[in-house]
Amino acid sequence: YAKHGLLMCLTSRVGSGRIVRSPGLTKRGFVAGDNL
């Protein structure tokens, strides 16, 4: 993210449930993938 501006989407491998976007993730350029 710092060197290339590459954005990240955070999801889970467990197969169910939401991922939420915390203030820390927002600062780090992460997008929360909800329950996708």
Full PDB file with SEQRES, HELIX, SHEET, SSBOND, CRYST1, ORIGX, SCALE, CONECT and MASTER records, all heavy atoms in Angstrom:
SEQRES   1 A   36  TYR ALA LYS HIS GLY LEU LEU MET CYS LEU THR SER ARG          
SEQRES   2 A   36  VAL GLY SER GLY ARG ILE VAL ARG SER PRO GLY LEU THR          
SEQRES   3 A   36  LYS ARG GLY PHE VAL ALA GLY ASP ASN LEU                      
HELIX    1 AA1 PRO A   23  LYS A   27  1                                   5    
SHEET    1 AA1 2 MET A   8  LEU A  10  0                                        
SHEET    2 AA1 2 PHE A  30  ALA A  32  1                                        
CRYST1    1.000    1.000    1.000  90.00  90.00  90.00 P 1           1          
ORIGX1      1.000000  0.000000  0.000000        0.00000                         
ORIGX2      0.000000  1.000000  0.000000        0.00000                         
ORIGX3      0.000000  0.000000  1.000000        0.00000                         
SCALE1      1.000000  0.000000  0.000000        0.00000                         
SCALE2      0.000000  1.000000  0.000000        0.00000                         
SCALE3      0.000000  0.000000  1.000000        0.00000                         
ATOM      1  N   TYR A   1       0.830  -1.201   0.000  1.00  0.00           N  
ATOM      2  CA  TYR A   1       0.000   0.000   0.000  1.00  0.00           C  
ATOM      3  C   TYR A   1       0.867   1.254   0.000  1.00  0.00           C  
ATOM      4  O   TYR A   1       0.623   2.196  -0.764  1.00  0.00           O  
ATOM      5  CB  TYR A   1      -0.915  -0.018   1.221  1.00  0.00           C  
ATOM      6  CG  TYR A   1      -1.792   1.196   1.379  1.00  0.00           C  
ATOM      7  CD1 TYR A   1      -2.666   1.581   0.364  1.00  0.00           C  
ATOM      8  CD2 TYR A   1      -1.759   1.958   2.546  1.00  0.00           C  
ATOM      9  CE1 TYR A   1      -3.481   2.695   0.513  1.00  0.00           C  
ATOM     10  CE2 TYR A   1      -2.571   3.067   2.707  1.00  0.00           C  
ATOM     11  CZ  TYR A   1      -3.429   3.431   1.677  1.00  0.00           C  
ATOM     12  OH  TYR A   1      -4.223   4.545   1.827  1.00  0.00           O  
ATOM     13  N   ALA A   2       1.902   1.258   0.830  1.00  0.00           N  
ATOM     14  CA  ALA A   2       2.764   2.436   0.936  1.00  0.00           C  
ATOM     15  C   ALA A   2       3.564   2.683  -0.341  1.00  0.00           C  
ATOM     16  O   ALA A   2       3.708   3.829  -0.790  1.00  0.00           O  
ATOM     17  CB  ALA A   2       3.710   2.278   2.128  1.00  0.00           C  
ATOM     18  N   LYS A   3       4.099   1.619  -0.950  1.00  0.00           N  
ATOM     19  CA  LYS A   3       4.972   1.771  -2.118  1.00  0.00           C  
ATOM     20  C   LYS A   3       4.217   1.878  -3.440  1.00  0.00           C  
ATOM     21  O   LYS A   3       4.653   2.567  -4.366  1.00  0.00           O  
ATOM     22  CB  LYS A   3       5.940   0.592  -2.189  1.00  0.00           C  
ATOM     23  CG  LYS A   3       6.933   0.529  -1.041  1.00  0.00           C  
ATOM     24  CD  LYS A   3       7.824  -0.709  -1.161  1.00  0.00           C  
ATOM     25  CE  LYS A   3       8.785  -0.815   0.004  1.00  0.00           C  
ATOM     26  NZ  LYS A   3       9.605  -2.061  -0.065  1.00  0.00           N  
ATOM     27  N   HIS A   4       3.092   1.156  -3.533  1.00  0.00           N  
ATOM     28  CA  HIS A   4       2.414   1.058  -4.825  1.00  0.00           C  
ATOM     29  C   HIS A   4       0.967   1.536  -4.795  1.00  0.00           C  
ATOM     30  O   HIS A   4       0.315   1.548  -5.841  1.00  0.00           O  
ATOM     31  CB  HIS A   4       2.449  -0.400  -5.321  1.00  0.00           C  
ATOM     32  CG  HIS A   4       3.820  -0.995  -5.358  1.00  0.00           C  
ATOM     33  ND1 HIS A   4       4.730  -0.720  -6.361  1.00  0.00           N  
ATOM     34  CD2 HIS A   4       4.446  -1.853  -4.509  1.00  0.00           C  
ATOM     35  CE1 HIS A   4       5.850  -1.390  -6.138  1.00  0.00           C  
ATOM     36  NE2 HIS A   4       5.704  -2.083  -5.017  1.00  0.00           N  
ATOM     37  N   GLY A   5       0.473   1.926  -3.647  1.00  0.00           N  
ATOM     38  CA  GLY A   5      -0.925   2.325  -3.547  1.00  0.00           C  
ATOM     39  C   GLY A   5      -1.886   1.173  -3.768  1.00  0.00           C  
ATOM     40  O   GLY A   5      -3.057   1.373  -4.111  1.00  0.00           O  
ATOM     41  N   LEU A   6      -1.395  -0.052  -3.577  1.00  0.00           N  
ATOM     42  CA  LEU A   6      -2.193  -1.249  -3.815  1.00  0.00           C  
ATOM     43  C   LEU A   6      -3.243  -1.389  -2.722  1.00  0.00           C  
ATOM     44  O   LEU A   6      -2.914  -1.466  -1.541  1.00  0.00           O  
ATOM     45  CB  LEU A   6      -1.284  -2.473  -3.832  1.00  0.00           C  
ATOM     46  CG  LEU A   6      -1.844  -3.744  -4.452  1.00  0.00           C  
ATOM     47  CD1 LEU A   6      -2.014  -3.583  -5.952  1.00  0.00           C  
ATOM     48  CD2 LEU A   6      -0.907  -4.908  -4.169  1.00  0.00           C  
ATOM     49  N   LEU A   7      -4.507  -1.425  -3.102  1.00  0.00           N  
ATOM     50  CA  LEU A   7      -5.577  -1.536  -2.121  1.00  0.00           C  
ATOM     51  C   LEU A   7      -5.829  -2.992  -1.754  1.00  0.00           C  
ATOM     52  O   LEU A   7      -5.621  -3.896  -2.554  1.00  0.00           O  
ATOM     53  CB  LEU A   7      -6.860  -0.914  -2.670  1.00  0.00           C  
ATOM     54  CG  LEU A   7      -6.823   0.599  -2.918  1.00  0.00           C  
ATOM     55  CD1 LEU A   7      -8.163   1.078  -3.435  1.00  0.00           C  
ATOM     56  CD2 LEU A   7      -6.424   1.369  -1.662  1.00  0.00           C  
ATOM     57  N   MET A   8      -6.289  -3.194  -0.541  1.00  0.00           N  
ATOM     58  CA  MET A   8      -6.543  -4.525  -0.022  1.00  0.00           C  
ATOM     59  C   MET A   8      -8.017  -4.646   0.367  1.00  0.00           C  
ATOM     60  O   MET A   8      -8.598  -3.712   0.906  1.00  0.00           O  
ATOM     61  CB  MET A   8      -5.702  -4.803   1.231  1.00  0.00           C  
ATOM     62  CG  MET A   8      -4.252  -4.423   1.108  1.00  0.00           C  
ATOM     63  SD  MET A   8      -3.390  -5.396  -0.129  1.00  0.00           S  
ATOM     64  CE  MET A   8      -1.895  -4.396  -0.281  1.00  0.00           C  
ATOM     65  N   CYS A   9      -8.585  -5.801   0.117  1.00  0.00           N  
ATOM     66  CA  CYS A   9      -9.933  -6.117   0.575  1.00  0.00           C  
ATOM     67  C   CYS A   9      -9.834  -7.273   1.547  1.00  0.00           C  
ATOM     68  O   CYS A   9      -9.312  -8.340   1.206  1.00  0.00           O  
ATOM     69  CB  CYS A   9     -10.829  -6.478  -0.609  1.00  0.00           C  
ATOM     70  SG  CYS A   9     -12.484  -6.998  -0.109  1.00  0.00           S  
ATOM     71  N   LEU A  10     -10.338  -7.083   2.742  1.00  0.00           N  
ATOM     72  CA  LEU A  10     -10.225  -8.092   3.781  1.00  0.00           C  
ATOM     73  C   LEU A  10     -11.493  -8.947   3.816  1.00  0.00           C  
ATOM     74  O   LEU A  10     -12.608  -8.443   3.964  1.00  0.00           O  
ATOM     75  CB  LEU A  10     -10.020  -7.418   5.136  1.00  0.00           C  
ATOM     76  CG  LEU A  10      -9.464  -8.289   6.265  1.00  0.00           C  
ATOM     77  CD1 LEU A  10      -8.077  -8.804   5.916  1.00  0.00           C  
ATOM     78  CD2 LEU A  10      -9.411  -7.485   7.565  1.00  0.00           C  
ATOM     79  N   THR A  11     -11.308 -10.248   3.658  1.00  0.00           N  
ATOM     80  CA  THR A  11     -12.399 -11.215   3.774  1.00  0.00           C  
ATOM     81  C   THR A  11     -11.946 -12.334   4.703  1.00  0.00           C  
ATOM     82  O   THR A  11     -10.841 -12.296   5.240  1.00  0.00           O  
ATOM     83  CB  THR A  11     -12.788 -11.807   2.404  1.00  0.00           C  
ATOM     84  OG1 THR A  11     -11.695 -12.597   1.904  1.00  0.00           O  
ATOM     85  CG2 THR A  11     -13.129 -10.715   1.403  1.00  0.00           C  
ATOM     86  N   SER A  12     -12.801 -13.331   4.872  1.00  0.00           N  
ATOM     87  CA  SER A  12     -12.466 -14.443   5.746  1.00  0.00           C  
ATOM     88  C   SER A  12     -12.520 -15.762   4.989  1.00  0.00           C  
ATOM     89  O   SER A  12     -13.311 -15.924   4.060  1.00  0.00           O  
ATOM     90  CB  SER A  12     -13.432 -14.501   6.935  1.00  0.00           C  
ATOM     91  OG  SER A  12     -13.171 -15.639   7.730  1.00  0.00           O  
ATOM     92  N   ARG A  13     -11.700 -16.709   5.428  1.00  0.00           N  
ATOM     93  CA  ARG A  13     -11.702 -18.039   4.827  1.00  0.00           C  
ATOM     94  C   ARG A  13     -12.760 -18.955   5.448  1.00  0.00           C  
ATOM     95  O   ARG A  13     -12.948 -20.076   4.983  1.00  0.00           O  
ATOM     96  CB  ARG A  13     -10.319 -18.683   4.996  1.00  0.00           C  
ATOM     97  CG  ARG A  13      -9.979 -19.054   6.428  1.00  0.00           C  
ATOM     98  CD  ARG A  13      -8.611 -19.659   6.590  1.00  0.00           C  
ATOM     99  NE  ARG A  13      -8.472 -20.292   7.896  1.00  0.00           N  
ATOM    100  CZ  ARG A  13      -7.382 -20.917   8.323  1.00  0.00           C  
ATOM    101  NH1 ARG A  13      -6.317 -20.992   7.549  1.00  0.00           N  
ATOM    102  NH2 ARG A  13      -7.353 -21.479   9.513  1.00  0.00           N  
ATOM    103  N   VAL A  14     -13.476 -18.497   6.493  1.00  0.00           N  
ATOM    104  CA  VAL A  14     -14.348 -19.407   7.237  1.00  0.00           C  
ATOM    105  C   VAL A  14     -15.674 -19.693   6.541  1.00  0.00           C  
ATOM    106  O   VAL A  14     -16.354 -20.661   6.862  1.00  0.00           O  
ATOM    107  CB  VAL A  14     -14.621 -18.903   8.676  1.00  0.00           C  
ATOM    108  CG1 VAL A  14     -13.331 -18.682   9.423  1.00  0.00           C  
ATOM    109  CG2 VAL A  14     -15.468 -17.636   8.667  1.00  0.00           C  
ATOM    110  N   GLY A  15     -16.077 -18.838   5.594  1.00  0.00           N  
ATOM    111  CA  GLY A  15     -17.253 -19.131   4.789  1.00  0.00           C  
ATOM    112  C   GLY A  15     -18.556 -18.538   5.275  1.00  0.00           C  
ATOM    113  O   GLY A  15     -19.602 -18.762   4.666  1.00  0.00           O  
ATOM    114  N   SER A  16     -18.530 -17.754   6.357  1.00  0.00           N  
ATOM    115  CA  SER A  16     -19.760 -17.167   6.862  1.00  0.00           C  
ATOM    116  C   SER A  16     -19.434 -16.012   7.789  1.00  0.00           C  
ATOM    117  O   SER A  16     -18.447 -16.056   8.522  1.00  0.00           O  
ATOM    118  CB  SER A  16     -20.579 -18.229   7.616  1.00  0.00           C  
ATOM    119  OG  SER A  16     -21.780 -17.694   8.107  1.00  0.00           O  
ATOM    120  N   GLY A  17     -20.267 -14.971   7.756  1.00  0.00           N  
ATOM    121  CA  GLY A  17     -20.089 -13.845   8.672  1.00  0.00           C  
ATOM    122  C   GLY A  17     -19.450 -12.630   8.013  1.00  0.00           C  
ATOM    123  O   GLY A  17     -18.755 -12.735   7.012  1.00  0.00           O  
ATOM    124  N   ARG A  18     -19.684 -11.471   8.644  1.00  0.00           N  
ATOM    125  CA  ARG A  18     -19.205 -10.194   8.115  1.00  0.00           C  
ATOM    126  C   ARG A  18     -17.771  -9.887   8.544  1.00  0.00           C  
ATOM    127  O   ARG A  18     -17.333 -10.287   9.621  1.00  0.00           O  
ATOM    128  CB  ARG A  18     -20.076  -9.037   8.612  1.00  0.00           C  
ATOM    129  CG  ARG A  18     -21.441  -8.942   7.995  1.00  0.00           C  
ATOM    130  CD  ARG A  18     -22.215  -7.771   8.612  1.00  0.00           C  
ATOM    131  NE  ARG A  18     -21.572  -6.501   8.321  1.00  0.00           N  
ATOM    132  CZ  ARG A  18     -21.311  -5.558   9.234  1.00  0.00           C  
ATOM    133  NH1 ARG A  18     -21.588  -5.776  10.510  1.00  0.00           N  
ATOM    134  NH2 ARG A  18     -20.751  -4.428   8.879  1.00  0.00           N  
ATOM    135  N   ILE A  19     -17.104  -9.140   7.695  1.00  0.00           N  
ATOM    136  CA  ILE A  19     -15.845  -8.473   8.055  1.00  0.00           C  
ATOM    137  C   ILE A  19     -16.154  -6.990   8.199  1.00  0.00           C  
ATOM    138  O   ILE A  19     -16.795  -6.394   7.327  1.00  0.00           O  
ATOM    139  CB  ILE A  19     -14.772  -8.679   6.965  1.00  0.00           C  
ATOM    140  CG1 ILE A  19     -14.483 -10.160   6.773  1.00  0.00           C  
ATOM    141  CG2 ILE A  19     -13.500  -7.928   7.335  1.00  0.00           C  
ATOM    142  CD1 ILE A  19     -13.935 -10.863   7.987  1.00  0.00           C  
ATOM    143  N   VAL A  20     -15.720  -6.389   9.298  1.00  0.00           N  
ATOM    144  CA  VAL A  20     -16.024  -4.981   9.553  1.00  0.00           C  
ATOM    145  C   VAL A  20     -14.772  -4.135   9.346  1.00  0.00           C  
ATOM    146  O   VAL A  20     -13.649  -4.608   9.503  1.00  0.00           O  
ATOM    147  CB  VAL A  20     -16.592  -4.778  10.967  1.00  0.00           C  
ATOM    148  CG1 VAL A  20     -17.894  -5.553  11.126  1.00  0.00           C  
ATOM    149  CG2 VAL A  20     -15.586  -5.225  12.026  1.00  0.00           C  
ATOM    150  N   ARG A  21     -14.989  -2.869   8.997  1.00  0.00           N  
ATOM    151  CA  ARG A  21     -13.883  -1.953   8.688  1.00  0.00           C  
ATOM    152  C   ARG A  21     -13.587  -1.087   9.917  1.00  0.00           C  
ATOM    153  O   ARG A  21     -14.271  -0.114  10.196  1.00  0.00           O  
ATOM    154  CB  ARG A  21     -14.242  -1.077   7.493  1.00  0.00           C  
ATOM    155  CG  ARG A  21     -13.044  -0.380   6.860  1.00  0.00           C  
ATOM    156  CD  ARG A  21     -13.495   0.509   5.732  1.00  0.00           C  
ATOM    157  NE  ARG A  21     -12.379   1.007   4.938  1.00  0.00           N  
ATOM    158  CZ  ARG A  21     -12.368   2.195   4.346  1.00  0.00           C  
ATOM    159  NH1 ARG A  21     -13.421   3.001   4.464  1.00  0.00           N  
ATOM    160  NH2 ARG A  21     -11.330   2.572   3.623  1.00  0.00           N  
ATOM    161  N   SER A  22     -12.571  -1.457  10.632  1.00  0.00           N  
ATOM    162  CA  SER A  22     -12.180  -0.710  11.825  1.00  0.00           C  
ATOM    163  C   SER A  22     -11.426   0.558  11.426  1.00  0.00           C  
ATOM    164  O   SER A  22     -10.962   0.689  10.286  1.00  0.00           O  
ATOM    165  CB  SER A  22     -11.281  -1.573  12.705  1.00  0.00           C  
ATOM    166  OG  SER A  22     -10.033  -1.794  12.041  1.00  0.00           O  
ATOM    167  N   PRO A  23     -11.266   1.526  12.357  1.00  0.00           N  
ATOM    168  CA  PRO A  23     -10.468   2.728  12.048  1.00  0.00           C  
ATOM    169  C   PRO A  23      -9.042   2.383  11.615  1.00  0.00           C  
ATOM    170  O   PRO A  23      -8.493   3.030  10.719  1.00  0.00           O  
ATOM    171  CB  PRO A  23     -10.484   3.496  13.376  1.00  0.00           C  
ATOM    172  CG  PRO A  23     -11.737   3.075  14.047  1.00  0.00           C  
ATOM    173  CD  PRO A  23     -11.915   1.627  13.674  1.00  0.00           C  
ATOM    174  N   GLY A  24      -8.457   1.349  12.237  1.00  0.00           N  
ATOM    175  CA  GLY A  24      -7.105   0.961  11.857  1.00  0.00           C  
ATOM    176  C   GLY A  24      -7.036   0.445  10.435  1.00  0.00           C  
ATOM    177  O   GLY A  24      -6.097   0.767   9.678  1.00  0.00           O  
ATOM    178  N   LEU A  25      -8.000  -0.350  10.027  1.00  0.00           N  
ATOM    179  CA  LEU A  25      -8.030  -0.859   8.655  1.00  0.00           C  
ATOM    180  C   LEU A  25      -8.226   0.280   7.652  1.00  0.00           C  
ATOM    181  O   LEU A  25      -7.645   0.269   6.564  1.00  0.00           O  
ATOM    182  CB  LEU A  25      -9.148  -1.889   8.489  1.00  0.00           C  
ATOM    183  CG  LEU A  25      -8.960  -3.236   9.172  1.00  0.00           C  
ATOM    184  CD1 LEU A  25     -10.198  -4.096   8.987  1.00  0.00           C  
ATOM    185  CD2 LEU A  25      -7.723  -3.954   8.616  1.00  0.00           C  
ATOM    186  N   THR A  26      -9.049   1.250   8.007  1.00  0.00           N  
ATOM    187  CA  THR A  26      -9.289   2.390   7.129  1.00  0.00           C  
ATOM    188  C   THR A  26      -7.992   3.132   6.849  1.00  0.00           C  
ATOM    189  O   THR A  26      -7.682   3.475   5.704  1.00  0.00           O  
ATOM    190  CB  THR A  26     -10.320   3.343   7.760  1.00  0.00           C  
ATOM    191  OG1 THR A  26     -11.523   2.617   8.035  1.00  0.00           O  
ATOM    192  CG2 THR A  26     -10.621   4.503   6.842  1.00  0.00           C  
ATOM    193  N   LYS A  27      -7.194   3.384   7.902  1.00  0.00           N  
ATOM    194  CA  LYS A  27      -5.915   4.098   7.738  1.00  0.00           C  
ATOM    195  C   LYS A  27      -4.938   3.308   6.868  1.00  0.00           C  
ATOM    196  O   LYS A  27      -4.105   3.893   6.165  1.00  0.00           O  
ATOM    197  CB  LYS A  27      -5.287   4.359   9.104  1.00  0.00           C  
ATOM    198  CG  LYS A  27      -6.039   5.374   9.954  1.00  0.00           C  
ATOM    199  CD  LYS A  27      -5.371   5.531  11.313  1.00  0.00           C  
ATOM    200  CE  LYS A  27      -6.141   6.505  12.191  1.00  0.00           C  
ATOM    201  NZ  LYS A  27      -5.543   6.629  13.540  1.00  0.00           N  
ATOM    202  N   ARG A  28      -5.039   1.987   6.915  1.00  0.00           N  
ATOM    203  CA  ARG A  28      -4.093   1.144   6.176  1.00  0.00           C  
ATOM    204  C   ARG A  28      -4.529   0.856   4.742  1.00  0.00           C  
ATOM    205  O   ARG A  28      -3.889   0.077   4.042  1.00  0.00           O  
ATOM    206  CB  ARG A  28      -3.899  -0.179   6.927  1.00  0.00           C  
ATOM    207  CG  ARG A  28      -3.231  -0.007   8.290  1.00  0.00           C  
ATOM    208  CD  ARG A  28      -3.255  -1.298   9.070  1.00  0.00           C  
ATOM    209  NE  ARG A  28      -2.603  -2.383   8.343  1.00  0.00           N  
ATOM    210  CZ  ARG A  28      -2.846  -3.673   8.554  1.00  0.00           C  
ATOM    211  NH1 ARG A  28      -3.750  -4.035   9.444  1.00  0.00           N  
ATOM    212  NH2 ARG A  28      -2.196  -4.580   7.864  1.00  0.00           N  
ATOM    213  N   GLY A  29      -5.633   1.475   4.288  1.00  0.00           N  
ATOM    214  CA  GLY A  29      -6.066   1.278   2.912  1.00  0.00           C  
ATOM    215  C   GLY A  29      -6.827   0.001   2.670  1.00  0.00           C  
ATOM    216  O   GLY A  29      -6.952  -0.448   1.530  1.00  0.00           O  
ATOM    217  N   PHE A  30      -7.350  -0.585   3.731  1.00  0.00           N  
ATOM    218  CA  PHE A  30      -8.131  -1.812   3.588  1.00  0.00           C  
ATOM    219  C   PHE A  30      -9.602  -1.492   3.334  1.00  0.00           C  
ATOM    220  O   PHE A  30     -10.149  -0.525   3.860  1.00  0.00           O  
ATOM    221  CB  PHE A  30      -8.037  -2.673   4.851  1.00  0.00           C  
ATOM    222  CG  PHE A  30      -6.878  -3.620   4.872  1.00  0.00           C  
ATOM    223  CD1 PHE A  30      -5.661  -3.232   5.401  1.00  0.00           C  
ATOM    224  CD2 PHE A  30      -7.010  -4.901   4.367  1.00  0.00           C  
ATOM    225  CE1 PHE A  30      -4.584  -4.111   5.438  1.00  0.00           C  
ATOM    226  CE2 PHE A  30      -5.945  -5.790   4.392  1.00  0.00           C  
ATOM    227  CZ  PHE A  30      -4.728  -5.389   4.927  1.00  0.00           C  
ATOM    228  N   VAL A  31     -10.224  -2.322   2.549  1.00  0.00           N  
ATOM    229  CA  VAL A  31     -11.671  -2.313   2.354  1.00  0.00           C  
ATOM    230  C   VAL A  31     -12.214  -3.577   3.012  1.00  0.00           C  
ATOM    231  O   VAL A  31     -11.635  -4.654   2.868  1.00  0.00           O  
ATOM    232  CB  VAL A  31     -12.022  -2.303   0.850  1.00  0.00           C  
ATOM    233  CG1 VAL A  31     -13.508  -2.516   0.632  1.00  0.00           C  
ATOM    234  CG2 VAL A  31     -11.548  -1.008   0.201  1.00  0.00           C  
ATOM    235  N   ALA A  32     -13.310  -3.462   3.735  1.00  0.00           N  
ATOM    236  CA  ALA A  32     -13.917  -4.629   4.368  1.00  0.00           C  
ATOM    237  C   ALA A  32     -14.895  -5.284   3.405  1.00  0.00           C  
ATOM    238  O   ALA A  32     -15.758  -4.618   2.827  1.00  0.00           O  
ATOM    239  CB  ALA A  32     -14.639  -4.232   5.653  1.00  0.00           C  
ATOM    240  N   GLY A  33     -14.769  -6.598   3.241  1.00  0.00           N  
ATOM    241  CA  GLY A  33     -15.547  -7.320   2.244  1.00  0.00           C  
ATOM    242  C   GLY A  33     -16.924  -7.754   2.687  1.00  0.00           C  
ATOM    243  O   GLY A  33     -17.546  -8.581   2.004  1.00  0.00           O  
ATOM    244  N   ASP A  34     -17.425  -7.226   3.825  1.00  0.00           N  
ATOM    245  CA  ASP A  34     -18.736  -7.613   4.336  1.00  0.00           C  
ATOM    246  C   ASP A  34     -18.762  -9.139   4.512  1.00  0.00           C  
ATOM    247  O   ASP A  34     -17.819  -9.713   5.060  1.00  0.00           O  
ATOM    248  CB  ASP A  34     -19.847  -7.108   3.411  1.00  0.00           C  
ATOM    249  CG  ASP A  34     -21.214  -7.096   4.093  1.00  0.00           C  
ATOM    250  OD1 ASP A  34     -21.538  -6.106   4.764  1.00  0.00           O  
ATOM    251  OD2 ASP A  34     -21.945  -8.103   3.951  1.00  0.00           O  
ATOM    252  N   ASN A  35     -19.801  -9.823   4.028  1.00  0.00           N  
ATOM    253  CA  ASN A  35     -19.855 -11.277   4.174  1.00  0.00           C  
ATOM    254  C   ASN A  35     -19.597 -11.993   2.847  1.00  0.00           C  
ATOM    255  O   ASN A  35     -19.920 -13.176   2.702  1.00  0.00           O  
ATOM    256  CB  ASN A  35     -21.196 -11.735   4.765  1.00  0.00           C  
ATOM    257  CG  ASN A  35     -22.362 -11.523   3.804  1.00  0.00           C  
ATOM    258  OD1 ASN A  35     -22.275 -10.718   2.885  1.00  0.00           O  
ATOM    259  ND2 ASN A  35     -23.456 -12.241   4.032  1.00  0.00           N  
ATOM    260  N   LEU A  36     -19.009 -11.274   1.882  1.00  0.00           N  
ATOM    261  CA  LEU A  36     -18.696 -11.898   0.601  1.00  0.00           C  
ATOM    262  C   LEU A  36     -17.561 -12.909   0.752  1.00  0.00           C  
ATOM    263  O   LEU A  36     -16.575 -12.650   1.444  1.00  0.00           O  
ATOM    264  CB  LEU A  36     -18.293 -10.839  -0.425  1.00  0.00           C  
ATOM    265  CG  LEU A  36     -19.412  -9.987  -1.014  1.00  0.00           C  
ATOM    266  CD1 LEU A  36     -18.821  -8.879  -1.884  1.00  0.00           C  
ATOM    267  CD2 LEU A  36     -20.389 -10.839  -1.819  1.00  0.00           C  
TER     268      LEU A  36                                                      
MASTER        0    0    0    1    2    0    0    6  267    1    0    3          
END                                                                             
